[in-house]
């Protein structure tokens, strides 16, 4: 094995340990239905990948970053201020297509996506992006160069496959949450939740 070269006076970058993101979660019954779909999907391939557990299924709204040694309190505080500024009514989402995010020939995630049925998620994403910018947290996803594609990750490490329709999976989005992800430990901690109870779009 070749030796790792280090420049004098420079240390290796710290290993990321924590992530922070906003997300929407399906209700328990819907999460079970999505989990069953993920299990069938994994069973159809020869990959050893396991589907995500029902408790980890979610739609990411904004990823705020990964950090080493804990979450920066200032970042968490700004995110909470931004979330508190959101005023939207609950809405319904519908996902109806399984898409591969793999890059041939490498395996990758298989995800659940939608078209007209995810308009509400786009609206919430945009509103939250503006609020984050106002609070000094402009994320990559808030950039016009980054197209937002709402999706639910079903499993990782699956071979590429063509997109295919599935029976629509719907639920009512009544709120969103700020999540602390413990990287490498497959654990998500809900830091706070905000209900959607404002006026309609």
N, C-alpha and C. Protein backbone atom coordinates (compact mmCIF):
# COMPACT_ATOMS: atom_id res chain seq x y z
N UNK A 1 0.85 -1.19 0.00
CA UNK A 1 0.00 0.00 0.00
C UNK A 1 0.89 1.24 0.00
N UNK A 2 0.65 2.21 -0.90
CA UNK A 2 1.48 3.41 -0.93
C UNK A 2 1.31 4.22 0.34
N UNK A 3 2.34 4.90 0.72
CA UNK A 3 2.26 5.73 1.92
C UNK A 3 1.45 6.99 1.66
N UNK A 4 0.71 7.41 2.67
CA UNK A 4 -0.05 8.66 2.57
C UNK A 4 0.91 9.83 2.71
N UNK A 5 0.86 10.76 1.76
CA UNK A 5 1.74 11.92 1.80
C UNK A 5 1.05 13.07 2.52
N UNK A 6 1.76 13.70 3.43
CA UNK A 6 1.22 14.85 4.16
C UNK A 6 2.12 16.05 3.92
N UNK A 7 1.52 17.20 3.74
CA UNK A 7 2.29 18.41 3.62
C UNK A 7 2.70 18.88 5.01
N UNK A 8 3.92 19.37 5.16
CA UNK A 8 4.38 19.82 6.48
C UNK A 8 3.45 20.88 7.06
N UNK A 9 3.13 20.70 8.33
CA UNK A 9 2.32 21.69 9.03
C UNK A 9 0.83 21.53 8.84
N UNK A 10 0.39 20.57 8.01
CA UNK A 10 -1.03 20.36 7.77
C UNK A 10 -1.51 19.07 8.42
N UNK A 11 -2.67 19.11 9.02
CA UNK A 11 -3.24 17.93 9.63
C UNK A 11 -4.37 17.40 8.77
N UNK A 12 -4.67 16.13 8.96
CA UNK A 12 -5.77 15.53 8.23
C UNK A 12 -7.07 16.21 8.64
N UNK A 13 -8.00 16.43 7.68
CA UNK A 13 -9.28 17.06 8.04
C UNK A 13 -10.05 16.18 9.00
N UNK A 14 -10.79 16.78 9.93
CA UNK A 14 -11.55 15.98 10.89
C UNK A 14 -12.64 15.16 10.20
N UNK A 15 -12.94 14.03 10.76
CA UNK A 15 -13.97 13.15 10.20
C UNK A 15 -15.35 13.69 10.56
N UNK A 16 -16.22 13.88 9.55
CA UNK A 16 -17.58 14.36 9.85
C UNK A 16 -18.32 13.38 10.75
N UNK A 17 -19.02 13.91 11.72
CA UNK A 17 -19.75 13.06 12.68
C UNK A 17 -21.23 13.40 12.76
N UNK A 18 -21.61 14.59 12.29
CA UNK A 18 -22.98 15.04 12.49
C UNK A 18 -23.50 15.74 11.23
N UNK A 19 -24.79 15.51 10.93
CA UNK A 19 -25.43 16.19 9.83
C UNK A 19 -26.67 16.92 10.32
N UNK A 20 -27.10 17.92 9.56
CA UNK A 20 -28.27 18.70 9.93
C UNK A 20 -29.12 18.93 8.69
N UNK A 21 -30.41 18.61 8.78
CA UNK A 21 -31.28 18.82 7.62
C UNK A 21 -32.73 18.96 8.05
N UNK A 22 -33.52 19.57 7.17
CA UNK A 22 -34.96 19.65 7.35
C UNK A 22 -35.61 18.52 6.56
N UNK A 23 -36.68 17.96 7.11
CA UNK A 23 -37.32 16.83 6.44
C UNK A 23 -38.81 16.78 6.73
N UNK A 24 -39.51 16.07 5.85
CA UNK A 24 -40.92 15.73 6.00
C UNK A 24 -41.00 14.22 6.16
N UNK A 25 -41.83 13.76 7.08
CA UNK A 25 -41.97 12.33 7.33
C UNK A 25 -43.37 11.84 6.98
N UNK A 26 -43.48 10.64 6.42
CA UNK A 26 -44.81 10.06 6.21
C UNK A 26 -45.41 9.61 7.53
N UNK A 27 -46.74 9.48 7.57
CA UNK A 27 -47.36 8.92 8.76
C UNK A 27 -46.99 7.45 8.87
N UNK A 28 -47.29 6.84 10.01
CA UNK A 28 -46.84 5.47 10.29
C UNK A 28 -47.36 4.46 9.27
N UNK A 29 -48.64 4.55 8.92
CA UNK A 29 -49.20 3.59 7.96
C UNK A 29 -48.55 3.73 6.59
N UNK A 30 -48.35 4.97 6.16
CA UNK A 30 -47.72 5.20 4.86
C UNK A 30 -46.27 4.72 4.88
N UNK A 31 -45.57 4.97 5.98
CA UNK A 31 -44.18 4.51 6.09
C UNK A 31 -44.11 3.00 5.97
N UNK A 32 -45.08 2.30 6.55
CA UNK A 32 -45.10 0.84 6.44
C UNK A 32 -45.31 0.41 4.99
N UNK A 33 -46.20 1.09 4.29
CA UNK A 33 -46.44 0.77 2.88
C UNK A 33 -45.19 1.02 2.03
N UNK A 34 -44.50 2.12 2.30
CA UNK A 34 -43.27 2.42 1.56
C UNK A 34 -42.20 1.37 1.88
N UNK A 35 -42.10 0.99 3.15
CA UNK A 35 -41.13 -0.02 3.55
C UNK A 35 -41.40 -1.35 2.86
N UNK A 36 -42.68 -1.71 2.72
CA UNK A 36 -43.02 -2.96 2.03
C UNK A 36 -42.60 -2.90 0.57
N UNK A 37 -42.79 -1.73 -0.06
CA UNK A 37 -42.35 -1.55 -1.44
C UNK A 37 -40.84 -1.70 -1.54
N UNK A 38 -40.11 -1.11 -0.59
CA UNK A 38 -38.66 -1.20 -0.60
C UNK A 38 -38.19 -2.65 -0.44
N UNK A 39 -38.88 -3.40 0.41
CA UNK A 39 -38.52 -4.81 0.60
C UNK A 39 -38.73 -5.61 -0.68
N UNK A 40 -39.84 -5.33 -1.38
CA UNK A 40 -40.08 -6.03 -2.65
C UNK A 40 -39.01 -5.66 -3.67
N UNK A 41 -38.64 -4.40 -3.69
CA UNK A 41 -37.63 -3.93 -4.63
C UNK A 41 -36.30 -4.63 -4.38
N UNK A 42 -35.89 -4.72 -3.14
CA UNK A 42 -34.64 -5.39 -2.81
C UNK A 42 -34.72 -6.88 -3.13
N UNK A 43 -35.89 -7.48 -2.92
CA UNK A 43 -36.06 -8.90 -3.19
C UNK A 43 -35.97 -9.24 -4.67
N UNK A 44 -36.23 -8.25 -5.54
CA UNK A 44 -36.19 -8.48 -6.98
C UNK A 44 -34.77 -8.44 -7.54
N UNK A 45 -33.82 -7.98 -6.76
CA UNK A 45 -32.43 -7.90 -7.21
C UNK A 45 -31.59 -8.93 -6.46
N UNK A 46 -30.40 -9.14 -6.96
CA UNK A 46 -29.47 -10.06 -6.30
C UNK A 46 -28.54 -9.33 -5.34
N UNK A 47 -28.75 -8.05 -5.21
CA UNK A 47 -27.91 -7.27 -4.31
C UNK A 47 -28.20 -7.63 -2.85
N UNK A 48 -27.22 -7.43 -2.01
CA UNK A 48 -27.39 -7.74 -0.58
C UNK A 48 -27.90 -6.53 0.20
N UNK A 49 -28.27 -5.51 -0.50
CA UNK A 49 -28.73 -4.29 0.16
C UNK A 49 -30.02 -4.55 0.94
N UNK A 50 -30.16 -3.81 2.03
CA UNK A 50 -31.37 -3.90 2.85
C UNK A 50 -32.17 -2.61 2.70
N UNK A 51 -33.48 -2.72 2.69
CA UNK A 51 -34.29 -1.50 2.61
C UNK A 51 -34.16 -0.67 3.87
N UNK A 52 -34.38 0.63 3.74
CA UNK A 52 -34.37 1.48 4.92
C UNK A 52 -35.55 1.11 5.82
N UNK A 53 -35.34 1.20 7.12
CA UNK A 53 -36.42 0.91 8.05
C UNK A 53 -37.50 1.98 7.94
N UNK A 54 -38.72 1.61 8.28
CA UNK A 54 -39.85 2.54 8.16
C UNK A 54 -39.61 3.83 8.94
N UNK A 55 -38.92 3.73 10.07
CA UNK A 55 -38.71 4.92 10.91
C UNK A 55 -37.74 5.92 10.29
N UNK A 56 -36.95 5.50 9.30
CA UNK A 56 -35.97 6.40 8.69
C UNK A 56 -36.43 6.97 7.35
N UNK A 57 -37.60 6.58 6.88
CA UNK A 57 -38.09 7.06 5.60
C UNK A 57 -38.51 8.53 5.71
N UNK A 58 -38.05 9.35 4.80
CA UNK A 58 -38.35 10.78 4.86
C UNK A 58 -38.09 11.44 3.51
N UNK A 59 -38.52 12.68 3.39
CA UNK A 59 -38.21 13.53 2.24
C UNK A 59 -37.37 14.69 2.75
N UNK A 60 -36.15 14.81 2.27
CA UNK A 60 -35.30 15.92 2.68
C UNK A 60 -35.78 17.20 2.01
N UNK A 61 -35.91 18.27 2.80
CA UNK A 61 -36.28 19.58 2.27
C UNK A 61 -35.03 20.42 2.00
N UNK A 62 -34.16 20.50 2.98
CA UNK A 62 -32.89 21.22 2.83
C UNK A 62 -31.84 20.52 3.67
N UNK A 63 -30.67 20.27 3.08
CA UNK A 63 -29.53 19.76 3.83
C UNK A 63 -28.66 20.94 4.23
N UNK A 64 -28.43 21.09 5.52
CA UNK A 64 -27.72 22.28 6.02
C UNK A 64 -26.23 22.06 6.23
N UNK A 65 -25.76 20.82 6.07
CA UNK A 65 -24.32 20.60 6.17
C UNK A 65 -23.96 19.41 7.03
N UNK A 66 -22.68 19.01 6.93
CA UNK A 66 -22.13 17.98 7.80
C UNK A 66 -20.99 18.61 8.59
N UNK A 67 -20.81 18.14 9.82
CA UNK A 67 -19.88 18.78 10.75
C UNK A 67 -19.12 17.73 11.54
N UNK A 68 -18.00 18.14 12.09
CA UNK A 68 -17.19 17.26 12.94
C UNK A 68 -17.27 17.73 14.38
N UNK A 69 -17.53 16.80 15.28
CA UNK A 69 -17.54 17.12 16.70
C UNK A 69 -18.79 17.79 17.22
N UNK A 70 -19.90 17.61 16.54
CA UNK A 70 -21.17 18.17 17.00
C UNK A 70 -21.69 19.25 16.06
N UNK A 71 -22.92 19.67 16.32
CA UNK A 71 -23.56 20.69 15.49
C UNK A 71 -23.22 22.09 16.01
N UNK A 72 -22.94 23.02 15.11
CA UNK A 72 -22.69 24.41 15.55
C UNK A 72 -23.99 25.02 16.10
N UNK A 73 -24.00 25.46 17.33
CA UNK A 73 -25.23 26.04 17.91
C UNK A 73 -25.79 27.20 17.09
N UNK A 74 -24.92 28.03 16.52
CA UNK A 74 -25.40 29.18 15.75
C UNK A 74 -26.17 28.71 14.51
N UNK A 75 -25.72 27.63 13.91
CA UNK A 75 -26.39 27.09 12.72
C UNK A 75 -27.75 26.53 13.09
N UNK A 76 -27.80 25.82 14.20
CA UNK A 76 -29.07 25.25 14.67
C UNK A 76 -30.05 26.37 15.02
N UNK A 77 -29.57 27.40 15.71
CA UNK A 77 -30.44 28.51 16.09
C UNK A 77 -31.00 29.22 14.86
N UNK A 78 -30.15 29.46 13.85
CA UNK A 78 -30.60 30.13 12.64
C UNK A 78 -31.62 29.28 11.90
N UNK A 79 -31.39 27.97 11.86
CA UNK A 79 -32.34 27.07 11.20
C UNK A 79 -33.69 27.11 11.89
N UNK A 80 -33.69 27.16 13.21
CA UNK A 80 -34.95 27.19 13.95
C UNK A 80 -35.68 28.51 13.73
N UNK A 81 -34.94 29.60 13.63
CA UNK A 81 -35.58 30.89 13.35
C UNK A 81 -36.23 30.86 11.97
N UNK A 82 -35.54 30.28 11.01
CA UNK A 82 -36.08 30.20 9.65
C UNK A 82 -37.35 29.35 9.62
N UNK A 83 -37.32 28.23 10.30
CA UNK A 83 -38.48 27.35 10.32
C UNK A 83 -39.68 28.02 10.96
N UNK A 84 -39.44 28.81 11.99
CA UNK A 84 -40.53 29.50 12.67
C UNK A 84 -41.21 30.56 11.83
N UNK A 85 -40.56 30.96 10.72
CA UNK A 85 -41.13 31.99 9.85
C UNK A 85 -42.04 31.41 8.77
N UNK A 86 -42.12 30.09 8.66
CA UNK A 86 -42.91 29.45 7.60
C UNK A 86 -44.40 29.49 7.95
N UNK A 87 -45.20 29.93 6.99
CA UNK A 87 -46.65 29.97 7.15
C UNK A 87 -47.28 29.33 5.93
N UNK A 88 -47.67 28.06 6.06
CA UNK A 88 -48.28 27.31 4.97
C UNK A 88 -49.37 26.41 5.51
N UNK A 89 -50.33 26.10 4.67
CA UNK A 89 -51.37 25.14 5.04
C UNK A 89 -50.89 23.73 4.75
N UNK A 90 -51.45 22.72 5.43
CA UNK A 90 -51.12 21.33 5.11
C UNK A 90 -51.44 21.03 3.65
N UNK A 91 -50.77 20.03 3.10
CA UNK A 91 -51.01 19.66 1.71
C UNK A 91 -50.80 18.15 1.54
N UNK A 92 -51.26 17.63 0.43
CA UNK A 92 -51.12 16.21 0.13
C UNK A 92 -50.00 15.98 -0.87
N UNK A 93 -49.21 14.92 -0.66
CA UNK A 93 -48.17 14.55 -1.61
C UNK A 93 -48.52 13.18 -2.21
N UNK A 94 -48.04 12.96 -3.42
CA UNK A 94 -48.24 11.68 -4.10
C UNK A 94 -46.97 11.29 -4.84
N UNK A 95 -46.44 10.12 -4.51
CA UNK A 95 -45.27 9.57 -5.18
C UNK A 95 -45.73 8.36 -6.00
N UNK A 96 -45.28 8.29 -7.27
CA UNK A 96 -45.79 7.23 -8.13
C UNK A 96 -44.76 6.58 -9.04
N UNK A 97 -43.48 6.85 -8.80
CA UNK A 97 -42.44 6.30 -9.67
C UNK A 97 -41.21 5.89 -8.85
N UNK A 98 -40.64 4.74 -9.17
CA UNK A 98 -39.37 4.31 -8.58
C UNK A 98 -38.26 4.64 -9.57
N UNK A 99 -37.26 5.37 -9.11
CA UNK A 99 -36.17 5.83 -9.96
C UNK A 99 -34.85 5.41 -9.35
N UNK A 100 -33.89 5.06 -10.20
CA UNK A 100 -32.55 4.73 -9.72
C UNK A 100 -31.66 5.96 -9.76
N UNK A 101 -30.98 6.23 -8.66
CA UNK A 101 -29.98 7.29 -8.61
C UNK A 101 -28.58 6.71 -8.79
N UNK A 102 -28.49 5.45 -9.22
CA UNK A 102 -27.20 4.81 -9.45
C UNK A 102 -26.58 5.33 -10.73
N UNK A 103 -25.26 5.24 -10.82
CA UNK A 103 -24.54 5.60 -12.03
C UNK A 103 -23.90 4.33 -12.59
N UNK A 104 -24.36 3.92 -13.77
CA UNK A 104 -23.80 2.70 -14.33
C UNK A 104 -22.28 2.78 -14.39
N UNK A 105 -21.54 1.70 -14.10
CA UNK A 105 -22.05 0.40 -13.65
C UNK A 105 -22.14 0.29 -12.14
N UNK A 106 -21.90 1.38 -11.44
CA UNK A 106 -21.90 1.33 -9.98
C UNK A 106 -23.32 1.30 -9.43
N UNK A 107 -23.54 0.56 -8.34
CA UNK A 107 -24.86 0.57 -7.70
C UNK A 107 -25.08 1.89 -6.97
N UNK A 108 -26.31 2.14 -6.57
CA UNK A 108 -26.62 3.38 -5.87
C UNK A 108 -28.01 3.32 -5.27
N UNK A 109 -28.54 4.45 -4.84
CA UNK A 109 -29.86 4.46 -4.20
C UNK A 109 -30.99 4.25 -5.21
N UNK A 110 -32.04 3.61 -4.75
CA UNK A 110 -33.31 3.58 -5.46
C UNK A 110 -34.29 4.41 -4.66
N UNK A 111 -35.03 5.29 -5.35
CA UNK A 111 -35.86 6.26 -4.65
C UNK A 111 -37.26 6.31 -5.23
N UNK A 112 -38.16 6.85 -4.43
CA UNK A 112 -39.54 7.06 -4.83
C UNK A 112 -39.71 8.53 -5.19
N UNK A 113 -40.24 8.82 -6.39
CA UNK A 113 -40.41 10.19 -6.83
C UNK A 113 -41.84 10.42 -7.32
N UNK A 114 -42.15 11.66 -7.66
CA UNK A 114 -43.47 12.01 -8.17
C UNK A 114 -43.35 13.17 -9.14
N UNK A 115 -44.48 13.59 -9.68
CA UNK A 115 -44.47 14.73 -10.61
C UNK A 115 -45.41 15.81 -10.08
N UNK A 116 -46.65 15.85 -10.59
CA UNK A 116 -47.60 16.85 -10.10
C UNK A 116 -47.90 16.68 -8.61
N UNK A 117 -47.74 15.46 -8.12
CA UNK A 117 -48.08 15.18 -6.73
C UNK A 117 -47.12 15.73 -5.70
N UNK A 118 -46.00 16.30 -6.14
CA UNK A 118 -45.03 16.82 -5.17
C UNK A 118 -44.90 18.34 -5.25
N UNK A 119 -45.90 19.01 -5.86
CA UNK A 119 -45.87 20.47 -5.98
C UNK A 119 -45.79 21.13 -4.61
N UNK A 120 -46.53 20.59 -3.63
CA UNK A 120 -46.50 21.17 -2.29
C UNK A 120 -45.12 21.11 -1.65
N UNK A 121 -44.38 20.03 -1.92
CA UNK A 121 -43.03 19.91 -1.37
C UNK A 121 -42.10 20.95 -2.00
N UNK A 122 -42.28 21.21 -3.30
CA UNK A 122 -41.49 22.27 -3.94
C UNK A 122 -41.79 23.62 -3.30
N UNK A 123 -43.06 23.88 -3.02
CA UNK A 123 -43.44 25.16 -2.41
C UNK A 123 -42.84 25.31 -1.02
N UNK A 124 -42.89 24.24 -0.22
CA UNK A 124 -42.33 24.28 1.13
C UNK A 124 -40.81 24.43 1.07
N UNK A 125 -40.18 23.72 0.15
CA UNK A 125 -38.74 23.82 -0.04
C UNK A 125 -38.34 25.26 -0.37
N UNK A 126 -39.08 25.88 -1.30
CA UNK A 126 -38.75 27.24 -1.72
C UNK A 126 -38.95 28.24 -0.58
N UNK A 127 -40.07 28.10 0.14
CA UNK A 127 -40.34 29.01 1.25
C UNK A 127 -39.27 28.89 2.33
N UNK A 128 -38.89 27.65 2.62
CA UNK A 128 -37.86 27.43 3.64
C UNK A 128 -36.51 27.95 3.16
N UNK A 129 -36.23 27.80 1.86
CA UNK A 129 -34.97 28.31 1.33
C UNK A 129 -34.86 29.82 1.47
N UNK A 130 -35.96 30.54 1.20
CA UNK A 130 -35.95 31.99 1.36
C UNK A 130 -35.75 32.38 2.83
N UNK A 131 -36.43 31.65 3.72
CA UNK A 131 -36.30 31.94 5.15
C UNK A 131 -34.89 31.66 5.65
N UNK A 132 -34.28 30.59 5.16
CA UNK A 132 -32.91 30.27 5.55
C UNK A 132 -31.95 31.36 5.09
N UNK A 133 -32.15 31.83 3.87
CA UNK A 133 -31.29 32.90 3.35
C UNK A 133 -31.44 34.16 4.19
N UNK A 134 -32.67 34.48 4.58
CA UNK A 134 -32.90 35.66 5.42
C UNK A 134 -32.20 35.54 6.77
N UNK A 135 -32.02 34.28 7.22
CA UNK A 135 -31.37 34.05 8.52
C UNK A 135 -29.87 33.77 8.37
N UNK A 136 -29.36 33.98 7.15
CA UNK A 136 -27.92 33.82 6.94
C UNK A 136 -27.47 32.41 6.64
N UNK A 137 -28.40 31.52 6.29
CA UNK A 137 -28.05 30.13 5.96
C UNK A 137 -28.52 29.81 4.55
N UNK A 138 -27.73 30.20 3.56
CA UNK A 138 -28.08 29.88 2.18
C UNK A 138 -27.50 28.52 1.84
N UNK A 139 -28.36 27.54 1.59
CA UNK A 139 -27.90 26.18 1.34
C UNK A 139 -27.65 25.96 -0.14
N UNK A 140 -26.95 24.87 -0.46
CA UNK A 140 -26.71 24.53 -1.86
C UNK A 140 -28.02 24.33 -2.61
N UNK A 141 -29.00 23.68 -1.94
CA UNK A 141 -30.27 23.40 -2.59
C UNK A 141 -31.06 24.67 -2.86
N UNK A 142 -30.73 25.75 -2.15
CA UNK A 142 -31.43 27.01 -2.37
C UNK A 142 -30.92 27.73 -3.61
N UNK A 143 -29.79 27.28 -4.13
CA UNK A 143 -29.22 27.90 -5.31
C UNK A 143 -30.03 27.53 -6.54
N UNK A 144 -30.19 28.48 -7.43
CA UNK A 144 -30.95 28.23 -8.66
C UNK A 144 -30.29 27.17 -9.52
N UNK A 145 -28.97 26.97 -9.32
CA UNK A 145 -28.25 25.99 -10.13
C UNK A 145 -28.53 24.56 -9.67
N UNK A 146 -29.11 24.40 -8.50
CA UNK A 146 -29.38 23.07 -7.95
C UNK A 146 -30.88 22.79 -8.02
N UNK A 147 -31.26 21.89 -8.90
CA UNK A 147 -32.68 21.54 -9.02
C UNK A 147 -33.09 20.64 -7.86
N UNK A 148 -34.20 20.97 -7.24
CA UNK A 148 -34.69 20.18 -6.12
C UNK A 148 -35.61 19.08 -6.64
N UNK A 149 -35.34 17.86 -6.26
CA UNK A 149 -36.15 16.72 -6.66
C UNK A 149 -36.63 15.97 -5.42
N UNK A 150 -37.84 16.24 -4.96
CA UNK A 150 -38.34 15.54 -3.77
C UNK A 150 -38.35 14.03 -4.00
N UNK A 151 -37.83 13.29 -3.02
CA UNK A 151 -37.80 11.83 -3.15
C UNK A 151 -37.69 11.18 -1.78
N UNK A 152 -38.09 9.93 -1.74
CA UNK A 152 -37.93 9.09 -0.54
C UNK A 152 -36.95 7.98 -0.90
N UNK A 153 -35.81 7.93 -0.24
CA UNK A 153 -34.84 6.86 -0.50
C UNK A 153 -35.38 5.55 0.05
N UNK A 154 -35.41 4.52 -0.81
CA UNK A 154 -35.92 3.21 -0.42
C UNK A 154 -34.81 2.28 0.05
N UNK A 155 -33.69 2.30 -0.66
CA UNK A 155 -32.56 1.42 -0.33
C UNK A 155 -31.32 1.94 -1.03
N UNK A 156 -30.15 1.63 -0.45
CA UNK A 156 -28.88 1.99 -1.06
C UNK A 156 -28.24 0.75 -1.68
N UNK A 157 -27.29 0.98 -2.59
CA UNK A 157 -26.51 -0.12 -3.13
C UNK A 157 -27.23 -1.04 -4.09
N UNK A 158 -28.26 -0.55 -4.76
CA UNK A 158 -28.97 -1.38 -5.74
C UNK A 158 -28.46 -1.07 -7.14
N UNK A 159 -28.48 -2.05 -8.03
CA UNK A 159 -28.02 -1.80 -9.40
C UNK A 159 -28.95 -0.85 -10.13
N UNK A 160 -28.40 -0.16 -11.14
CA UNK A 160 -29.21 0.75 -11.93
C UNK A 160 -30.38 0.02 -12.57
N UNK A 161 -31.53 0.68 -12.65
CA UNK A 161 -32.70 0.13 -13.32
C UNK A 161 -33.50 1.28 -13.89
N UNK A 162 -34.21 1.02 -14.97
CA UNK A 162 -35.03 2.06 -15.59
C UNK A 162 -36.15 2.47 -14.64
N UNK A 163 -36.57 3.73 -14.75
CA UNK A 163 -37.69 4.21 -13.94
C UNK A 163 -38.94 3.41 -14.25
N UNK A 164 -39.74 3.16 -13.22
CA UNK A 164 -40.97 2.40 -13.44
C UNK A 164 -42.08 2.95 -12.55
N UNK A 165 -43.30 2.96 -13.07
CA UNK A 165 -44.42 3.44 -12.26
C UNK A 165 -44.81 2.42 -11.19
N UNK A 166 -45.33 2.93 -10.08
CA UNK A 166 -45.85 2.08 -9.01
C UNK A 166 -47.20 2.63 -8.58
N UNK A 167 -47.93 1.85 -7.83
CA UNK A 167 -49.21 2.34 -7.32
C UNK A 167 -48.96 3.57 -6.47
N UNK A 168 -49.67 4.68 -6.72
CA UNK A 168 -49.40 5.93 -6.00
C UNK A 168 -49.45 5.76 -4.48
N UNK A 169 -48.48 6.41 -3.84
CA UNK A 169 -48.40 6.44 -2.38
C UNK A 169 -48.61 7.88 -1.94
N UNK A 170 -49.65 8.11 -1.15
CA UNK A 170 -50.03 9.48 -0.77
C UNK A 170 -50.06 9.62 0.75
N UNK A 171 -49.83 10.85 1.20
CA UNK A 171 -50.08 11.18 2.60
C UNK A 171 -50.24 12.68 2.74
N UNK A 172 -50.83 13.10 3.85
CA UNK A 172 -51.02 14.52 4.14
C UNK A 172 -49.83 15.04 4.93
N UNK A 173 -49.19 16.07 4.40
CA UNK A 173 -48.06 16.69 5.08
C UNK A 173 -48.61 17.76 6.02
N UNK A 174 -48.48 17.54 7.29
CA UNK A 174 -49.02 18.47 8.30
C UNK A 174 -47.93 19.18 9.08
N UNK A 175 -46.67 18.94 8.71
CA UNK A 175 -45.58 19.60 9.41
C UNK A 175 -44.24 19.14 8.88
N UNK A 176 -43.17 19.73 9.41
CA UNK A 176 -41.82 19.34 9.01
C UNK A 176 -40.93 19.41 10.24
N UNK A 177 -39.71 18.87 10.13
CA UNK A 177 -38.85 18.76 11.30
C UNK A 177 -37.40 19.09 10.97
N UNK A 178 -36.66 19.49 11.99
CA UNK A 178 -35.21 19.70 11.89
C UNK A 178 -34.54 18.47 12.49
N UNK A 179 -33.66 17.84 11.71
CA UNK A 179 -33.10 16.55 12.09
C UNK A 179 -31.59 16.62 12.30
N UNK A 180 -31.14 16.03 13.39
CA UNK A 180 -29.72 15.84 13.67
C UNK A 180 -29.38 14.40 13.29
N UNK A 181 -28.55 14.24 12.27
CA UNK A 181 -28.15 12.91 11.82
C UNK A 181 -26.81 12.54 12.43
N UNK A 182 -26.75 11.38 13.10
CA UNK A 182 -25.50 10.87 13.64
C UNK A 182 -24.86 10.02 12.55
N UNK A 183 -23.90 10.59 11.85
CA UNK A 183 -23.34 9.96 10.66
C UNK A 183 -22.66 8.64 11.00
N UNK A 184 -22.95 7.64 10.17
CA UNK A 184 -22.35 6.32 10.36
C UNK A 184 -23.02 5.47 11.42
N UNK A 185 -24.03 6.04 12.08
CA UNK A 185 -24.72 5.29 13.14
C UNK A 185 -26.19 5.08 12.82
N UNK A 186 -26.58 5.44 11.59
CA UNK A 186 -27.95 5.27 11.11
C UNK A 186 -28.98 5.71 12.15
N UNK A 187 -28.73 6.87 12.72
CA UNK A 187 -29.65 7.37 13.74
C UNK A 187 -30.00 8.83 13.46
N UNK A 188 -31.28 9.13 13.53
CA UNK A 188 -31.77 10.50 13.34
C UNK A 188 -32.44 10.97 14.63
N UNK A 189 -32.09 12.17 15.05
CA UNK A 189 -32.68 12.77 16.24
C UNK A 189 -33.49 13.99 15.82
N UNK A 190 -34.76 14.02 16.18
CA UNK A 190 -35.61 15.17 15.87
C UNK A 190 -35.33 16.28 16.87
N UNK A 191 -34.80 17.40 16.38
CA UNK A 191 -34.50 18.53 17.27
C UNK A 191 -35.73 19.38 17.54
N UNK A 192 -36.60 19.52 16.53
CA UNK A 192 -37.82 20.31 16.68
C UNK A 192 -38.75 20.02 15.52
N UNK A 193 -40.05 20.24 15.76
CA UNK A 193 -41.07 20.07 14.71
C UNK A 193 -41.89 21.35 14.61
N UNK A 194 -42.37 21.62 13.39
CA UNK A 194 -43.22 22.77 13.15
C UNK A 194 -44.45 22.33 12.40
N UNK A 195 -45.65 22.65 12.88
CA UNK A 195 -46.87 22.29 12.16
C UNK A 195 -47.12 23.23 10.99
N UNK A 196 -47.81 22.72 9.97
CA UNK A 196 -48.27 23.57 8.88
C UNK A 196 -49.72 23.93 9.19
N UNK A 197 -49.96 25.17 9.48
CA UNK A 197 -51.30 25.58 9.88
C UNK A 197 -51.63 26.99 9.39
N UNK A 198 -50.87 27.43 8.37
CA UNK A 198 -51.10 28.77 7.86
C UNK A 198 -52.12 28.78 6.74
N UNK A 199 -52.18 29.88 6.03
CA UNK A 199 -53.14 30.03 4.93
C UNK A 199 -52.67 29.20 3.75
N UNK A 200 -53.59 28.88 2.86
CA UNK A 200 -53.26 28.09 1.69
C UNK A 200 -52.38 28.86 0.73
N UNK A 201 -51.81 28.09 -0.22
CA UNK A 201 -50.90 28.70 -1.19
C UNK A 201 -51.69 29.53 -2.19
